[in-house]
């Protein structure tokens, strides 16, 4: 109408900028988690301050604080899997299955020790569990005969077990190459995962205990629990 000032409209983000801001919010939350040693004191206001934005801006990307925490959890699992993948990408699966398995195990424990708060958050109480469906009506993923026991995990949380699947693949590859006598790669990968998790968790809680060198212990776990044999 004549005489009325035009309505001020918010300028839309250019293509890709929305995802960029979302990633910045998650990164800010991750930094706060590491600084505080956990996510118990995490707030939207603190995240916004760390990201250099206003708190209401977060709601354009996340419904609430719980959604941000879920995104932090997802990002942590993704970084863990990426760390393992990066450590083994230069090693040939066919000719170096044992070296790949050992490198992957070392990358796992290195990540846990490098980002202790983020790692603890991945498996802490109160976080969404991989065996808890996102929605009651969500269909389970297709059956995977190579990963018994993983059926029923919601598709949105399947990637939380990528690191475990890498261990299964690693043990299976050693068996195929004649470098492991394992008769149950899934069970042996589970035992190996348990040992790796226990090793880093105990070191974080008892740092002054006279532990053996971490990589030395990690290699021993892999050799014994994956039933590796000499070349």
Foldseek 3Di string as FASTA:
>chain_A
DPPDDDDDDDDDDDPPVVVVLLVLLLVLQLVVLQVVLECPPPALCSSCVSSVHHSVVCVVPAVGPLRSLLVNLVVLLVVLLVQLCVQQVVPDLQPPLLVSLLSSLVSNLVSCVVRVSSVCSNPDPPRDDQQDEPDPPQAWDDDDPLAPPNTNGGPVCPSSCSSLVVQLVSLVSCVVNVFAPDPRSNVLSVQLVVVSVVVNVVCVVCVPPPDDPPSVVSSVSCCPSSRGHDD
